[in-house]
Amino acid sequence: MLECEDQLQVKLGQFPRGTRLLWHFWQPGEIFPPASMEKQQVLYERMRAVAEKNGVELGQANHR
């Protein structure tokens, strides 16, 4: 796992139970280096599971 993913997991554990967050998916051309929607979806699902274990709701802001 990447260091930034480890840090994100820690951060998700710091929010109070009941917190609701939205995950922004970057469309092609919006970020560099580019990240495919598939990779973003996989990461979102991993982080959503971590958030859920900590009583945090992680929803999708703009996924198409």
PDB file of N, CA and C in Angstrom:
ATOM      1  N   MET A   1       0.853  -1.182   0.000  1.00  0.00           N
ATOM      2  CA  MET A   1       0.000   0.000   0.000  1.00  0.00           C
ATOM      3  C   MET A   1       0.896   1.242   0.000  1.00  0.00           C
ATOM      4  N   LEU A   2       0.461   2.242  -0.679  1.00  0.00           N
ATOM      5  CA  LEU A   2       1.212   3.488  -0.751  1.00  0.00           C
ATOM      6  C   LEU A   2       1.152   4.250   0.569  1.00  0.00           C
ATOM      7  N   GLU A   3       2.202   5.005   0.838  1.00  0.00           N
ATOM      8  CA  GLU A   3       2.261   5.786   2.072  1.00  0.00           C
ATOM      9  C   GLU A   3       1.067   6.738   2.182  1.00  0.00           C
ATOM     10  N   CYS A   4       0.676   7.353   1.064  1.00  0.00           N
ATOM     11  CA  CYS A   4      -0.451   8.297   1.120  1.00  0.00           C
ATOM     12  C   CYS A   4      -1.760   7.576   1.462  1.00  0.00           C
ATOM     13  N   GLU A   5      -1.890   6.325   1.037  1.00  0.00           N
ATOM     14  CA  GLU A   5      -3.082   5.557   1.407  1.00  0.00           C
ATOM     15  C   GLU A   5      -3.078   5.263   2.895  1.00  0.00           C
ATOM     16  N   ASP A   6      -1.901   4.942   3.441  1.00  0.00           N
ATOM     17  CA  ASP A   6      -1.792   4.726   4.880  1.00  0.00           C
ATOM     18  C   ASP A   6      -2.217   5.975   5.635  1.00  0.00           C
ATOM     19  N   GLN A   7      -1.756   7.129   5.171  1.00  0.00           N
ATOM     20  CA  GLN A   7      -2.089   8.395   5.820  1.00  0.00           C
ATOM     21  C   GLN A   7      -3.586   8.685   5.721  1.00  0.00           C
ATOM     22  N   LEU A   8      -4.180   8.366   4.583  1.00  0.00           N
ATOM     23  CA  LEU A   8      -5.615   8.588   4.411  1.00  0.00           C
ATOM     24  C   LEU A   8      -6.414   7.679   5.345  1.00  0.00           C
ATOM     25  N   GLN A   9      -5.968   6.444   5.499  1.00  0.00           N
ATOM     26  CA  GLN A   9      -6.655   5.546   6.421  1.00  0.00           C
ATOM     27  C   GLN A   9      -6.604   6.076   7.845  1.00  0.00           C
ATOM     28  N   VAL A  10      -5.446   6.579   8.254  1.00  0.00           N
ATOM     29  CA  VAL A  10      -5.309   7.163   9.589  1.00  0.00           C
ATOM     30  C   VAL A  10      -6.260   8.350   9.733  1.00  0.00           C
ATOM     31  N   LYS A  11      -6.275   9.215   8.721  1.00  0.00           N
ATOM     32  CA  LYS A  11      -7.134  10.408   8.772  1.00  0.00           C
ATOM     33  C   LYS A  11      -8.606  10.013   8.877  1.00  0.00           C
ATOM     34  N   LEU A  12      -9.033   9.007   8.130  1.00  0.00           N
ATOM     35  CA  LEU A  12     -10.425   8.564   8.195  1.00  0.00           C
ATOM     36  C   LEU A  12     -10.786   8.061   9.590  1.00  0.00           C
ATOM     37  N   GLY A  13      -9.809   7.533  10.302  1.00  0.00           N
ATOM     38  CA  GLY A  13     -10.041   7.070  11.663  1.00  0.00           C
ATOM     39  C   GLY A  13     -10.118   8.190  12.682  1.00  0.00           C
ATOM     40  N   GLN A  14      -9.777   9.407  12.294  1.00  0.00           N
ATOM     41  CA  GLN A  14      -9.776  10.543  13.215  1.00  0.00           C
ATOM     42  C   GLN A  14     -11.099  11.311  13.225  1.00  0.00           C
ATOM     43  N   PHE A  15     -11.943  11.075  12.237  1.00  0.00           N
ATOM     44  CA  PHE A  15     -13.229  11.784  12.197  1.00  0.00           C
ATOM     45  C   PHE A  15     -14.180  11.179  13.220  1.00  0.00           C
ATOM     46  N   PRO A  16     -15.037  11.988  13.803  1.00  0.00           N
ATOM     47  CA  PRO A  16     -16.027  11.460  14.751  1.00  0.00           C
ATOM     48  C   PRO A  16     -17.014  10.531  14.038  1.00  0.00           C
ATOM     49  N   ARG A  17     -17.463   9.516  14.776  1.00  0.00           N
ATOM     50  CA  ARG A  17     -18.491   8.617  14.223  1.00  0.00           C
ATOM     51  C   ARG A  17     -19.671   9.461  13.765  1.00  0.00           C
ATOM     52  N   GLY A  18     -20.269   9.071  12.650  1.00  0.00           N
ATOM     53  CA  GLY A  18     -21.408   9.798  12.113  1.00  0.00           C
ATOM     54  C   GLY A  18     -21.037  10.856  11.093  1.00  0.00           C
ATOM     55  N   THR A  19     -19.738  11.099  10.918  1.00  0.00           N
ATOM     56  CA  THR A  19     -19.288  12.069   9.920  1.00  0.00           C
ATOM     57  C   THR A  19     -19.638  11.558   8.523  1.00  0.00           C
ATOM     58  N   ARG A  20     -20.063  12.459   7.654  1.00  0.00           N
ATOM     59  CA  ARG A  20     -20.366  12.118   6.259  1.00  0.00           C
ATOM     60  C   ARG A  20     -19.414  12.889   5.357  1.00  0.00           C
ATOM     61  N   LEU A  21     -18.695  12.167   4.501  1.00  0.00           N
ATOM     62  CA  LEU A  21     -17.736  12.757   3.572  1.00  0.00           C
ATOM     63  C   LEU A  21     -18.090  12.367   2.147  1.00  0.00           C
ATOM     64  N   LEU A  22     -17.653  13.184   1.200  1.00  0.00           N
ATOM     65  CA  LEU A  22     -17.846  12.881  -0.214  1.00  0.00           C
ATOM     66  C   LEU A  22     -16.501  12.729  -0.899  1.00  0.00           C
ATOM     67  N   TRP A  23     -16.384  11.719  -1.729  1.00  0.00           N
ATOM     68  CA  TRP A  23     -15.168  11.413  -2.487  1.00  0.00           C
ATOM     69  C   TRP A  23     -15.313  11.986  -3.883  1.00  0.00           C
ATOM     70  N   HIS A  24     -14.349  12.780  -4.295  1.00  0.00           N
ATOM     71  CA  HIS A  24     -14.357  13.388  -5.628  1.00  0.00           C
ATOM     72  C   HIS A  24     -13.553  12.523  -6.586  1.00  0.00           C
ATOM     73  N   PHE A  25     -14.160  12.123  -7.691  1.00  0.00           N
ATOM     74  CA  PHE A  25     -13.457  11.378  -8.737  1.00  0.00           C
ATOM     75  C   PHE A  25     -12.963  12.376  -9.775  1.00  0.00           C
ATOM     76  N   TRP A  26     -11.687  12.255 -10.152  1.00  0.00           N
ATOM     77  CA  TRP A  26     -11.079  13.136 -11.147  1.00  0.00           C
ATOM     78  C   TRP A  26     -11.311  12.578 -12.540  1.00  0.00           C
ATOM     79  N   GLN A  27     -11.857  13.396 -13.414  1.00  0.00           N
ATOM     80  CA  GLN A  27     -12.115  12.989 -14.792  1.00  0.00           C
ATOM     81  C   GLN A  27     -10.816  13.045 -15.597  1.00  0.00           C
ATOM     82  N   PRO A  28     -10.748  12.311 -16.707  1.00  0.00           N
ATOM     83  CA  PRO A  28      -9.545  12.351 -17.547  1.00  0.00           C
ATOM     84  C   PRO A  28      -9.170  13.788 -17.902  1.00  0.00           C
ATOM     85  N   GLY A  29      -7.884  14.103 -17.759  1.00  0.00           N
ATOM     86  CA  GLY A  29      -7.393  15.439 -18.071  1.00  0.00           C
ATOM     87  C   GLY A  29      -7.455  16.424 -16.926  1.00  0.00           C
ATOM     88  N   GLU A  30      -8.068  16.066 -15.803  1.00  0.00           N
ATOM     89  CA  GLU A  30      -8.195  16.986 -14.674  1.00  0.00           C
ATOM     90  C   GLU A  30      -7.013  16.938 -13.712  1.00  0.00           C
ATOM     91  N   ILE A  31      -6.253  15.844 -13.705  1.00  0.00           N
ATOM     92  CA  ILE A  31      -5.119  15.731 -12.786  1.00  0.00           C
ATOM     93  C   ILE A  31      -3.903  15.162 -13.516  1.00  0.00           C
ATOM     94  N   PHE A  32      -2.742  15.430 -12.923  1.00  0.00           N
ATOM     95  CA  PHE A  32      -1.507  14.862 -13.445  1.00  0.00           C
ATOM     96  C   PHE A  32      -0.702  14.339 -12.263  1.00  0.00           C
ATOM     97  N   PRO A  33      -0.192  13.139 -12.328  1.00  0.00           N
ATOM     98  CA  PRO A  33      -0.361  12.201 -13.426  1.00  0.00           C
ATOM     99  C   PRO A  33      -1.788  11.660 -13.445  1.00  0.00           C
ATOM    100  N   PRO A  34      -2.241  11.269 -14.617  1.00  0.00           N
ATOM    101  CA  PRO A  34      -3.615  10.782 -14.735  1.00  0.00           C
ATOM    102  C   PRO A  34      -3.829   9.492 -13.945  1.00  0.00           C
ATOM    103  N   ALA A  35      -5.015   9.328 -13.455  1.00  0.00           N
ATOM    104  CA  ALA A  35      -5.424   8.100 -12.763  1.00  0.00           C
ATOM    105  C   ALA A  35      -6.716   7.620 -13.401  1.00  0.00           C
ATOM    106  N   SER A  36      -6.726   6.379 -13.838  1.00  0.00           N
ATOM    107  CA  SER A  36      -7.926   5.849 -14.502  1.00  0.00           C
ATOM    108  C   SER A  36      -9.100   5.823 -13.526  1.00  0.00           C
ATOM    109  N   MET A  37     -10.275   5.862 -14.067  1.00  0.00           N
ATOM    110  CA  MET A  37     -11.479   5.789 -13.238  1.00  0.00           C
ATOM    111  C   MET A  37     -11.509   4.458 -12.497  1.00  0.00           C
ATOM    112  N   GLU A  38     -11.009   3.394 -13.124  1.00  0.00           N
ATOM    113  CA  GLU A  38     -10.990   2.087 -12.478  1.00  0.00           C
ATOM    114  C   GLU A  38     -10.101   2.100 -11.233  1.00  0.00           C
ATOM    115  N   LYS A  39      -8.908   2.704 -11.346  1.00  0.00           N
ATOM    116  CA  LYS A  39      -8.011   2.789 -10.188  1.00  0.00           C
ATOM    117  C   LYS A  39      -8.618   3.649  -9.093  1.00  0.00           C
ATOM    118  N   GLN A  40      -9.261   4.737  -9.495  1.00  0.00           N
ATOM    119  CA  GLN A  40      -9.901   5.602  -8.512  1.00  0.00           C
ATOM    120  C   GLN A  40     -11.025   4.861  -7.793  1.00  0.00           C
ATOM    121  N   GLN A  41     -11.781   4.065  -8.545  1.00  0.00           N
ATOM    122  CA  GLN A  41     -12.891   3.313  -7.959  1.00  0.00           C
ATOM    123  C   GLN A  41     -12.373   2.288  -6.947  1.00  0.00           C
ATOM    124  N   VAL A  42     -11.285   1.602  -7.277  1.00  0.00           N
ATOM    125  CA  VAL A  42     -10.690   0.616  -6.370  1.00  0.00           C
ATOM    126  C   VAL A  42     -10.236   1.290  -5.076  1.00  0.00           C
ATOM    127  N   LEU A  43      -9.553   2.420  -5.207  1.00  0.00           N
ATOM    128  CA  LEU A  43      -9.104   3.151  -4.020  1.00  0.00           C
ATOM    129  C   LEU A  43     -10.294   3.632  -3.196  1.00  0.00           C
ATOM    130  N   TYR A  44     -11.304   4.161  -3.859  1.00  0.00           N
ATOM    131  CA  TYR A  44     -12.513   4.613  -3.157  1.00  0.00           C
ATOM    132  C   TYR A  44     -13.126   3.474  -2.345  1.00  0.00           C
ATOM    133  N   GLU A  45     -13.251   2.301  -2.950  1.00  0.00           N
ATOM    134  CA  GLU A  45     -13.868   1.161  -2.259  1.00  0.00           C
ATOM    135  C   GLU A  45     -13.052   0.757  -1.032  1.00  0.00           C
ATOM    136  N   ARG A  46     -11.718   0.776  -1.138  1.00  0.00           N
ATOM    137  CA  ARG A  46     -10.873   0.458   0.018  1.00  0.00           C
ATOM    138  C   ARG A  46     -11.069   1.489   1.126  1.00  0.00           C
ATOM    139  N   MET A  47     -11.089   2.755   0.763  1.00  0.00           N
ATOM    140  CA  MET A  47     -11.232   3.812   1.770  1.00  0.00           C
ATOM    141  C   MET A  47     -12.639   3.838   2.351  1.00  0.00           C
ATOM    142  N   ARG A  48     -13.636   3.506   1.540  1.00  0.00           N
ATOM    143  CA  ARG A  48     -15.012   3.446   2.033  1.00  0.00           C
ATOM    144  C   ARG A  48     -15.133   2.365   3.108  1.00  0.00           C
ATOM    145  N   ALA A  49     -14.462   1.231   2.890  1.00  0.00           N
ATOM    146  CA  ALA A  49     -14.484   0.153   3.872  1.00  0.00           C
ATOM    147  C   ALA A  49     -13.807   0.588   5.174  1.00  0.00           C
ATOM    148  N   VAL A  50     -12.691   1.290   5.069  1.00  0.00           N
ATOM    149  CA  VAL A  50     -11.996   1.797   6.255  1.00  0.00           C
ATOM    150  C   VAL A  50     -12.896   2.788   6.994  1.00  0.00           C
ATOM    151  N   ALA A  51     -13.496   3.699   6.253  1.00  0.00           N
ATOM    152  CA  ALA A  51     -14.377   4.698   6.858  1.00  0.00           C
ATOM    153  C   ALA A  51     -15.538   4.024   7.582  1.00  0.00           C
ATOM    154  N   GLU A  52     -16.140   3.041   6.922  1.00  0.00           N
ATOM    155  CA  GLU A  52     -17.288   2.346   7.498  1.00  0.00           C
ATOM    156  C   GLU A  52     -16.919   1.689   8.831  1.00  0.00           C
ATOM    157  N   LYS A  53     -15.731   1.083   8.897  1.00  0.00           N
ATOM    158  CA  LYS A  53     -15.280   0.450  10.142  1.00  0.00           C
ATOM    159  C   LYS A  53     -15.176   1.470  11.275  1.00  0.00           C
ATOM    160  N   ASN A  54     -14.940   2.734  10.922  1.00  0.00           N
ATOM    161  CA  ASN A  54     -14.794   3.801  11.911  1.00  0.00           C
ATOM    162  C   ASN A  54     -16.067   4.616  12.107  1.00  0.00           C
ATOM    163  N   GLY A  55     -17.182   4.146  11.536  1.00  0.00           N
ATOM    164  CA  GLY A  55     -18.447   4.841  11.708  1.00  0.00           C
ATOM    165  C   GLY A  55     -18.580   6.101  10.883  1.00  0.00           C
ATOM    166  N   VAL A  56     -17.795   6.199   9.804  1.00  0.00           N
ATOM    167  CA  VAL A  56     -17.815   7.365   8.918  1.00  0.00           C
ATOM    168  C   VAL A  56     -18.433   6.944   7.586  1.00  0.00           C
ATOM    169  N   GLU A  57     -19.294   7.777   7.046  1.00  0.00           N
ATOM    170  CA  GLU A  57     -19.915   7.496   5.750  1.00  0.00           C
ATOM    171  C   GLU A  57     -19.128   8.203   4.652  1.00  0.00           C
ATOM    172  N   LEU A  58     -18.678   7.442   3.675  1.00  0.00           N
ATOM    173  CA  LEU A  58     -17.936   7.992   2.552  1.00  0.00           C
ATOM    174  C   LEU A  58     -18.744   7.750   1.284  1.00  0.00           C
ATOM    175  N   GLY A  59     -19.309   8.829   0.742  1.00  0.00           N
ATOM    176  CA  GLY A  59     -20.136   8.727  -0.456  1.00  0.00           C
ATOM    177  C   GLY A  59     -19.389   9.241  -1.684  1.00  0.00           C
ATOM    178  N   GLN A  60     -20.012   9.088  -2.821  1.00  0.00           N
ATOM    179  CA  GLN A  60     -19.432   9.529  -4.087  1.00  0.00           C
ATOM    180  C   GLN A  60     -20.022  10.879  -4.481  1.00  0.00           C
ATOM    181  N   ALA A  61     -19.136  11.842  -4.746  1.00  0.00           N
ATOM    182  CA  ALA A  61     -19.594  13.194  -5.088  1.00  0.00           C
ATOM    183  C   ALA A  61     -19.987  13.315  -6.549  1.00  0.00           C
ATOM    184  N   ASN A  62     -19.234  12.708  -7.434  1.00  0.00           N
ATOM    185  CA  ASN A  62     -19.441  13.004  -8.852  1.00  0.00           C
ATOM    186  C   ASN A  62     -19.157  11.829  -9.773  1.00  0.00           C
ATOM    187  N   HIS A  63     -19.201  10.611  -9.300  1.00  0.00           N
ATOM    188  CA  HIS A  63     -18.853   9.467 -10.143  1.00  0.00           C
ATOM    189  C   HIS A  63     -19.893   9.276 -11.238  1.00  0.00           C
ATOM    190  N   ARG A  64     -19.408   9.025 -12.433  1.00  0.00           N
ATOM    191  CA  ARG A  64     -20.339   8.827 -13.568  1.00  0.00           C
ATOM    192  C   ARG A  64     -20.317   7.405 -14.009  1.00  0.00           C
TER     193      ARG A  64
END
